[in-house]
N, C-alpha and C. Protein backbone atom coordinates (compact mmCIF):
# COMPACT_ATOMS: atom_id res chain seq x y z
N UNK A 1 10.02 12.87 -5.19
CA UNK A 1 8.59 12.99 -5.39
C UNK A 1 7.88 12.08 -4.40
N UNK A 2 6.84 12.62 -3.75
CA UNK A 2 6.01 11.80 -2.89
C UNK A 2 5.37 10.71 -3.72
N UNK A 3 5.04 9.60 -3.11
CA UNK A 3 4.39 8.52 -3.86
C UNK A 3 2.89 8.48 -3.63
N UNK A 4 2.38 9.35 -2.73
CA UNK A 4 0.95 9.38 -2.46
C UNK A 4 0.53 10.81 -2.13
N UNK A 5 -0.66 11.19 -2.59
CA UNK A 5 -1.19 12.53 -2.33
C UNK A 5 -2.70 12.45 -2.26
N UNK A 6 -3.30 13.08 -1.25
CA UNK A 6 -4.75 13.15 -1.14
C UNK A 6 -5.23 14.46 -1.76
N UNK A 7 -6.19 14.35 -2.67
CA UNK A 7 -6.71 15.51 -3.39
C UNK A 7 -8.21 15.58 -3.21
N UNK A 8 -8.71 16.73 -2.79
CA UNK A 8 -10.14 17.00 -2.78
C UNK A 8 -10.44 17.73 -4.08
N UNK A 9 -11.17 17.06 -4.95
CA UNK A 9 -11.37 17.56 -6.31
C UNK A 9 -12.77 18.11 -6.50
N UNK A 10 -12.82 19.36 -6.95
CA UNK A 10 -14.07 20.00 -7.36
C UNK A 10 -13.79 20.70 -8.67
N UNK A 11 -14.57 20.42 -9.68
CA UNK A 11 -14.44 21.14 -10.93
C UNK A 11 -14.85 22.58 -10.66
N UNK A 12 -13.96 23.52 -10.98
CA UNK A 12 -14.19 24.93 -10.66
C UNK A 12 -13.60 25.32 -9.32
N UNK A 13 -12.98 24.37 -8.62
CA UNK A 13 -12.39 24.67 -7.32
C UNK A 13 -11.11 25.49 -7.45
N UNK A 14 -10.93 26.38 -6.49
CA UNK A 14 -9.69 27.17 -6.40
C UNK A 14 -8.75 26.43 -5.46
N UNK A 15 -7.52 26.25 -5.90
CA UNK A 15 -6.51 25.55 -5.11
C UNK A 15 -5.34 26.50 -4.85
N UNK A 16 -4.80 26.42 -3.65
CA UNK A 16 -3.68 27.29 -3.26
C UNK A 16 -2.51 26.43 -2.81
N UNK A 17 -1.32 26.94 -3.09
CA UNK A 17 -0.10 26.30 -2.59
C UNK A 17 0.90 27.37 -2.20
N UNK A 18 1.75 27.01 -1.27
CA UNK A 18 2.76 27.94 -0.75
C UNK A 18 4.08 27.66 -1.43
N UNK A 19 4.69 28.72 -1.97
CA UNK A 19 5.99 28.59 -2.62
C UNK A 19 7.07 28.29 -1.59
N UNK A 20 7.90 27.31 -1.89
CA UNK A 20 9.02 27.02 -0.98
C UNK A 20 10.11 28.08 -1.10
N UNK A 21 10.09 28.87 -2.18
CA UNK A 21 11.11 29.90 -2.39
C UNK A 21 10.87 31.13 -1.53
N UNK A 22 9.63 31.68 -1.59
CA UNK A 22 9.37 32.95 -0.92
C UNK A 22 8.19 32.91 0.05
N UNK A 23 7.55 31.76 0.22
CA UNK A 23 6.44 31.65 1.16
C UNK A 23 5.14 32.25 0.68
N UNK A 24 5.12 32.74 -0.55
CA UNK A 24 3.89 33.35 -1.06
C UNK A 24 2.93 32.27 -1.56
N UNK A 25 1.65 32.61 -1.53
CA UNK A 25 0.60 31.68 -1.93
C UNK A 25 0.20 31.96 -3.37
N UNK A 26 0.22 30.92 -4.19
CA UNK A 26 -0.26 31.04 -5.56
C UNK A 26 -1.54 30.22 -5.70
N UNK A 27 -2.33 30.57 -6.72
CA UNK A 27 -3.67 30.00 -6.88
C UNK A 27 -3.87 29.53 -8.31
N UNK A 28 -4.54 28.39 -8.45
CA UNK A 28 -5.04 27.97 -9.76
C UNK A 28 -6.47 27.48 -9.58
N UNK A 29 -7.18 27.41 -10.70
CA UNK A 29 -8.56 26.92 -10.69
C UNK A 29 -8.65 25.66 -11.52
N UNK A 30 -9.23 24.62 -10.94
CA UNK A 30 -9.36 23.32 -11.61
C UNK A 30 -10.48 23.38 -12.64
N UNK A 31 -10.10 23.14 -13.90
CA UNK A 31 -11.09 23.10 -14.98
C UNK A 31 -11.51 21.67 -15.29
N UNK A 32 -10.55 20.76 -15.29
CA UNK A 32 -10.85 19.35 -15.57
C UNK A 32 -9.71 18.51 -15.00
N UNK A 33 -9.99 17.23 -14.85
CA UNK A 33 -9.01 16.32 -14.27
C UNK A 33 -9.22 14.94 -14.86
N UNK A 34 -8.12 14.31 -15.23
CA UNK A 34 -8.17 12.91 -15.63
C UNK A 34 -6.84 12.26 -15.25
N UNK A 35 -6.69 11.01 -15.56
CA UNK A 35 -5.50 10.25 -15.13
C UNK A 35 -4.21 10.82 -15.69
N UNK A 36 -4.28 11.43 -16.85
CA UNK A 36 -3.07 11.93 -17.50
C UNK A 36 -2.74 13.37 -17.14
N UNK A 37 -3.75 14.19 -16.96
CA UNK A 37 -3.50 15.63 -16.77
C UNK A 37 -4.61 16.27 -15.96
N UNK A 38 -4.24 17.39 -15.34
CA UNK A 38 -5.28 18.27 -14.85
C UNK A 38 -5.19 19.53 -15.69
N UNK A 39 -6.33 20.14 -15.91
CA UNK A 39 -6.42 21.32 -16.75
C UNK A 39 -6.80 22.47 -15.82
N UNK A 40 -6.01 23.52 -15.86
CA UNK A 40 -6.16 24.59 -14.88
C UNK A 40 -6.11 25.96 -15.53
N UNK A 41 -6.74 26.91 -14.86
CA UNK A 41 -6.56 28.33 -15.15
C UNK A 41 -5.60 28.85 -14.09
N UNK A 42 -4.57 29.58 -14.52
CA UNK A 42 -3.54 30.07 -13.60
C UNK A 42 -3.69 31.56 -13.36
N UNK A 43 -3.41 31.97 -12.14
CA UNK A 43 -3.49 33.38 -11.76
C UNK A 43 -2.10 33.89 -11.44
N UNK A 44 -1.79 35.10 -11.90
CA UNK A 44 -0.46 35.68 -11.68
C UNK A 44 -0.29 36.23 -10.27
N UNK A 45 -1.39 36.63 -9.64
CA UNK A 45 -1.32 37.24 -8.32
C UNK A 45 -0.76 36.27 -7.29
N UNK A 46 0.03 36.82 -6.39
CA UNK A 46 0.57 36.06 -5.25
C UNK A 46 0.03 36.71 -3.98
N UNK A 47 -0.13 35.91 -2.95
CA UNK A 47 -0.70 36.38 -1.70
C UNK A 47 0.24 36.02 -0.55
N UNK A 48 0.17 36.82 0.52
CA UNK A 48 0.99 36.53 1.70
C UNK A 48 0.33 35.49 2.60
N UNK A 49 -0.95 35.26 2.40
CA UNK A 49 -1.70 34.23 3.13
C UNK A 49 -2.76 33.68 2.20
N UNK A 50 -3.57 32.78 2.71
CA UNK A 50 -4.63 32.19 1.90
C UNK A 50 -5.64 33.27 1.52
N UNK A 51 -5.90 33.47 0.21
CA UNK A 51 -6.83 34.52 -0.20
C UNK A 51 -8.27 34.18 0.19
N UNK A 52 -9.05 35.24 0.39
CA UNK A 52 -10.47 35.08 0.71
C UNK A 52 -11.26 34.85 -0.57
N UNK A 53 -12.49 34.38 -0.43
CA UNK A 53 -13.36 34.18 -1.58
C UNK A 53 -13.56 35.49 -2.32
N UNK A 54 -13.68 36.58 -1.59
CA UNK A 54 -13.84 37.88 -2.23
C UNK A 54 -12.61 38.24 -3.07
N UNK A 55 -11.42 37.98 -2.56
CA UNK A 55 -10.21 38.23 -3.34
C UNK A 55 -10.17 37.35 -4.59
N UNK A 56 -10.61 36.11 -4.45
CA UNK A 56 -10.61 35.20 -5.60
C UNK A 56 -11.58 35.66 -6.68
N UNK A 57 -12.72 36.20 -6.28
CA UNK A 57 -13.73 36.66 -7.25
C UNK A 57 -13.20 37.79 -8.12
N UNK A 58 -12.24 38.55 -7.59
CA UNK A 58 -11.68 39.68 -8.33
C UNK A 58 -10.56 39.27 -9.28
N UNK A 59 -10.13 38.02 -9.21
CA UNK A 59 -9.02 37.57 -10.05
C UNK A 59 -9.49 37.27 -11.47
N UNK A 60 -8.58 37.50 -12.40
CA UNK A 60 -8.79 37.10 -13.79
C UNK A 60 -7.58 36.27 -14.19
N UNK A 61 -7.79 35.10 -14.79
CA UNK A 61 -6.64 34.24 -15.08
C UNK A 61 -5.63 34.91 -16.00
N UNK A 62 -4.36 34.74 -15.67
CA UNK A 62 -3.31 35.21 -16.58
C UNK A 62 -3.12 34.19 -17.70
N UNK A 63 -3.41 32.94 -17.41
CA UNK A 63 -3.42 31.87 -18.41
C UNK A 63 -4.76 31.16 -18.25
N UNK A 64 -5.59 31.22 -19.28
CA UNK A 64 -6.95 30.68 -19.20
C UNK A 64 -7.01 29.17 -19.19
N UNK A 65 -5.99 28.52 -19.73
CA UNK A 65 -5.95 27.05 -19.72
C UNK A 65 -4.53 26.58 -19.91
N UNK A 66 -4.17 25.60 -19.10
CA UNK A 66 -2.90 24.91 -19.28
C UNK A 66 -3.09 23.46 -18.82
N UNK A 67 -2.66 22.50 -19.66
CA UNK A 67 -2.68 21.11 -19.22
C UNK A 67 -1.40 20.82 -18.44
N UNK A 68 -1.53 20.14 -17.31
CA UNK A 68 -0.38 19.85 -16.47
C UNK A 68 -0.41 18.36 -16.12
N UNK A 69 0.73 17.72 -16.22
CA UNK A 69 0.83 16.30 -15.89
C UNK A 69 0.24 16.05 -14.50
N UNK A 70 -0.74 15.17 -14.41
CA UNK A 70 -1.41 14.91 -13.13
C UNK A 70 -0.44 14.41 -12.06
N UNK A 71 0.63 13.75 -12.46
CA UNK A 71 1.61 13.26 -11.48
C UNK A 71 2.29 14.40 -10.74
N UNK A 72 2.30 15.60 -11.34
CA UNK A 72 2.96 16.73 -10.68
C UNK A 72 2.24 17.15 -9.40
N UNK A 73 0.98 16.74 -9.23
CA UNK A 73 0.27 17.04 -7.99
C UNK A 73 0.98 16.42 -6.79
N UNK A 74 1.69 15.35 -7.01
CA UNK A 74 2.41 14.69 -5.92
C UNK A 74 3.64 15.48 -5.47
N UNK A 75 4.02 16.49 -6.24
CA UNK A 75 5.18 17.32 -5.88
C UNK A 75 4.82 18.41 -4.88
N UNK A 76 3.53 18.60 -4.64
CA UNK A 76 3.07 19.75 -3.87
C UNK A 76 2.24 19.28 -2.69
N UNK A 77 2.90 18.97 -1.58
CA UNK A 77 2.17 18.39 -0.45
C UNK A 77 1.36 19.41 0.35
N UNK A 78 1.48 20.70 0.05
CA UNK A 78 0.69 21.70 0.77
C UNK A 78 -0.49 22.23 -0.05
N UNK A 79 -0.79 21.61 -1.17
CA UNK A 79 -1.90 22.04 -2.02
C UNK A 79 -3.22 21.86 -1.29
N UNK A 80 -4.04 22.91 -1.29
CA UNK A 80 -5.35 22.86 -0.62
C UNK A 80 -6.41 23.47 -1.50
N UNK A 81 -7.60 22.85 -1.51
CA UNK A 81 -8.74 23.49 -2.15
C UNK A 81 -9.26 24.52 -1.15
N UNK A 82 -9.36 25.78 -1.59
CA UNK A 82 -9.72 26.85 -0.67
C UNK A 82 -11.10 27.44 -0.94
N UNK A 83 -11.64 27.21 -2.13
CA UNK A 83 -12.96 27.75 -2.46
C UNK A 83 -13.46 27.06 -3.73
N UNK A 84 -14.72 27.27 -4.00
CA UNK A 84 -15.29 26.72 -5.22
C UNK A 84 -16.26 27.73 -5.80
N UNK A 85 -16.40 27.67 -7.10
CA UNK A 85 -17.34 28.53 -7.81
C UNK A 85 -17.73 27.78 -9.07
N UNK A 86 -19.01 27.76 -9.36
CA UNK A 86 -19.50 27.06 -10.54
C UNK A 86 -18.82 27.61 -11.79
N UNK A 87 -18.41 26.71 -12.66
CA UNK A 87 -17.79 27.12 -13.92
C UNK A 87 -18.84 27.59 -14.91
N UNK A 88 -18.44 28.50 -15.77
CA UNK A 88 -19.28 28.93 -16.89
C UNK A 88 -18.57 28.51 -18.18
N UNK A 89 -19.30 28.56 -19.26
CA UNK A 89 -18.69 28.21 -20.55
C UNK A 89 -17.51 29.14 -20.85
N UNK A 90 -17.62 30.42 -20.49
CA UNK A 90 -16.51 31.34 -20.75
C UNK A 90 -15.27 30.99 -19.92
N UNK A 91 -15.46 30.40 -18.73
CA UNK A 91 -14.31 29.94 -17.93
C UNK A 91 -13.54 28.84 -18.66
N UNK A 92 -14.24 28.11 -19.52
CA UNK A 92 -13.65 26.96 -20.22
C UNK A 92 -13.20 27.29 -21.64
N UNK A 93 -13.24 28.56 -22.01
CA UNK A 93 -12.91 28.97 -23.37
C UNK A 93 -11.51 28.51 -23.80
N UNK A 94 -10.52 28.72 -22.96
CA UNK A 94 -9.16 28.29 -23.29
C UNK A 94 -9.06 26.78 -23.45
N UNK A 95 -9.78 26.05 -22.62
CA UNK A 95 -9.80 24.59 -22.71
C UNK A 95 -10.45 24.15 -24.02
N UNK A 96 -11.51 24.85 -24.41
CA UNK A 96 -12.18 24.53 -25.68
C UNK A 96 -11.22 24.75 -26.84
N UNK A 97 -10.47 25.85 -26.84
CA UNK A 97 -9.48 26.09 -27.90
C UNK A 97 -8.44 24.97 -27.94
N UNK A 98 -8.01 24.54 -26.76
CA UNK A 98 -7.04 23.45 -26.65
C UNK A 98 -7.60 22.17 -27.29
N UNK A 99 -8.83 21.83 -26.96
CA UNK A 99 -9.45 20.62 -27.51
C UNK A 99 -9.59 20.73 -29.02
N UNK A 100 -9.98 21.91 -29.50
CA UNK A 100 -10.11 22.11 -30.96
C UNK A 100 -8.75 21.97 -31.64
N UNK A 101 -7.71 22.52 -31.02
CA UNK A 101 -6.36 22.43 -31.60
C UNK A 101 -5.87 20.98 -31.65
N UNK A 102 -6.39 20.15 -30.76
CA UNK A 102 -6.04 18.72 -30.75
C UNK A 102 -7.06 17.90 -31.55
N UNK A 103 -7.84 18.59 -32.35
CA UNK A 103 -8.77 17.98 -33.31
C UNK A 103 -9.77 17.03 -32.67
N UNK A 104 -10.21 17.38 -31.47
CA UNK A 104 -11.30 16.64 -30.83
C UNK A 104 -12.58 17.03 -31.56
N UNK A 105 -13.40 16.07 -31.97
CA UNK A 105 -14.64 16.40 -32.69
C UNK A 105 -15.55 17.31 -31.85
N UNK A 106 -16.22 18.23 -32.53
CA UNK A 106 -17.05 19.23 -31.85
C UNK A 106 -18.11 18.59 -30.95
N UNK A 107 -18.69 17.50 -31.38
CA UNK A 107 -19.71 16.83 -30.56
C UNK A 107 -19.10 16.33 -29.24
N UNK A 108 -17.89 15.79 -29.30
CA UNK A 108 -17.21 15.34 -28.08
C UNK A 108 -16.88 16.52 -27.17
N UNK A 109 -16.44 17.62 -27.78
CA UNK A 109 -16.15 18.83 -26.99
C UNK A 109 -17.40 19.29 -26.27
N UNK A 110 -18.51 19.39 -27.01
CA UNK A 110 -19.76 19.86 -26.40
C UNK A 110 -20.19 18.95 -25.25
N UNK A 111 -20.09 17.63 -25.46
CA UNK A 111 -20.46 16.68 -24.40
C UNK A 111 -19.56 16.85 -23.18
N UNK A 112 -18.26 16.98 -23.40
CA UNK A 112 -17.32 17.14 -22.30
C UNK A 112 -17.60 18.42 -21.53
N UNK A 113 -17.80 19.52 -22.24
CA UNK A 113 -18.05 20.80 -21.58
C UNK A 113 -19.32 20.73 -20.75
N UNK A 114 -20.37 20.12 -21.28
CA UNK A 114 -21.62 19.99 -20.52
C UNK A 114 -21.41 19.15 -19.26
N UNK A 115 -20.63 18.08 -19.36
CA UNK A 115 -20.34 17.25 -18.18
C UNK A 115 -19.56 18.06 -17.14
N UNK A 116 -18.55 18.80 -17.60
CA UNK A 116 -17.75 19.61 -16.67
C UNK A 116 -18.62 20.65 -15.98
N UNK A 117 -19.47 21.33 -16.76
CA UNK A 117 -20.36 22.33 -16.17
C UNK A 117 -21.27 21.68 -15.13
N UNK A 118 -21.77 20.49 -15.45
CA UNK A 118 -22.61 19.76 -14.50
C UNK A 118 -21.85 19.38 -13.23
N UNK A 119 -20.61 18.91 -13.39
CA UNK A 119 -19.79 18.54 -12.23
C UNK A 119 -19.55 19.75 -11.32
N UNK A 120 -19.47 20.93 -11.90
CA UNK A 120 -19.13 22.12 -11.10
C UNK A 120 -20.33 22.69 -10.35
N UNK A 121 -21.52 22.17 -10.61
CA UNK A 121 -22.74 22.68 -9.96
C UNK A 121 -22.96 22.00 -8.61
N UNK A 122 -22.33 22.49 -7.59
CA UNK A 122 -22.56 22.06 -6.21
C UNK A 122 -22.44 20.56 -5.97
N UNK A 123 -21.67 19.89 -6.80
CA UNK A 123 -21.37 18.49 -6.51
C UNK A 123 -20.42 18.46 -5.31
N UNK A 124 -20.57 17.49 -4.42
CA UNK A 124 -19.61 17.41 -3.32
C UNK A 124 -18.23 17.07 -3.86
N UNK A 125 -17.19 17.46 -3.14
CA UNK A 125 -15.84 17.14 -3.61
C UNK A 125 -15.63 15.63 -3.71
N UNK A 126 -14.83 15.25 -4.70
CA UNK A 126 -14.35 13.87 -4.77
C UNK A 126 -13.10 13.81 -3.91
N UNK A 127 -13.05 12.86 -3.02
CA UNK A 127 -11.89 12.69 -2.15
C UNK A 127 -11.03 11.60 -2.76
N UNK A 128 -9.97 12.02 -3.43
CA UNK A 128 -9.14 11.10 -4.19
C UNK A 128 -7.80 10.87 -3.52
N UNK A 129 -7.26 9.70 -3.76
CA UNK A 129 -5.89 9.38 -3.37
C UNK A 129 -5.13 9.11 -4.66
N UNK A 130 -4.07 9.87 -4.89
CA UNK A 130 -3.21 9.68 -6.05
C UNK A 130 -1.94 8.99 -5.58
N UNK A 131 -1.55 7.93 -6.27
CA UNK A 131 -0.35 7.19 -5.91
C UNK A 131 0.44 6.85 -7.15
N UNK A 132 1.74 6.81 -7.00
CA UNK A 132 2.61 6.30 -8.06
C UNK A 132 2.93 4.86 -7.71
N UNK A 133 2.52 3.95 -8.57
CA UNK A 133 2.79 2.53 -8.39
C UNK A 133 3.42 2.04 -9.69
N UNK A 134 4.65 1.55 -9.58
CA UNK A 134 5.40 1.07 -10.74
C UNK A 134 5.41 2.11 -11.86
N UNK A 135 5.73 3.35 -11.49
CA UNK A 135 5.84 4.49 -12.41
C UNK A 135 4.53 4.90 -13.07
N UNK A 136 3.41 4.41 -12.57
CA UNK A 136 2.10 4.77 -13.12
C UNK A 136 1.29 5.49 -12.05
N UNK A 137 0.51 6.50 -12.48
CA UNK A 137 -0.40 7.18 -11.57
C UNK A 137 -1.64 6.32 -11.39
N UNK A 138 -1.94 6.01 -10.14
CA UNK A 138 -3.14 5.25 -9.80
C UNK A 138 -4.02 6.17 -8.96
N UNK A 139 -5.30 6.27 -9.34
CA UNK A 139 -6.24 7.16 -8.66
C UNK A 139 -7.33 6.30 -8.03
N UNK A 140 -7.55 6.52 -6.74
CA UNK A 140 -8.64 5.82 -6.06
C UNK A 140 -9.41 6.83 -5.23
N UNK A 141 -10.64 6.46 -4.90
CA UNK A 141 -11.47 7.35 -4.10
C UNK A 141 -11.27 7.03 -2.63
N UNK A 142 -11.09 8.08 -1.81
CA UNK A 142 -10.98 7.92 -0.36
C UNK A 142 -12.38 8.02 0.24
N UNK A 143 -12.52 7.51 1.43
CA UNK A 143 -13.81 7.65 2.13
C UNK A 143 -13.84 8.94 2.89
């Protein structure tokens, strides 16, 4: 596992990576991010090259929400943000179900969703550096 990874983070951003097995490009959409996990919508479609924004607009997630250990981002050195689109409440439906299943109070869910929706509205990307230091994920902002 790499010990450092630079991530350009946009809530609602589409990220692509190339499979080391077959060279195909897979895509996920960033719903939320924190020190422990990133929350993503996954798409089943595979591409032979980086998909266009028009191709991305036609996609529908095969999995509307999945939490993934944030440290796993360090396993994928070719991950790139390729497009962004403002999130809607319906984009976050699976994440809301997840939060409810984990008994997060409704007021906290509503506050979180509003913050995420706000972050996805044309905010510039956060340029982050993720590092593993003494088995812990450390996140800092790059210039």
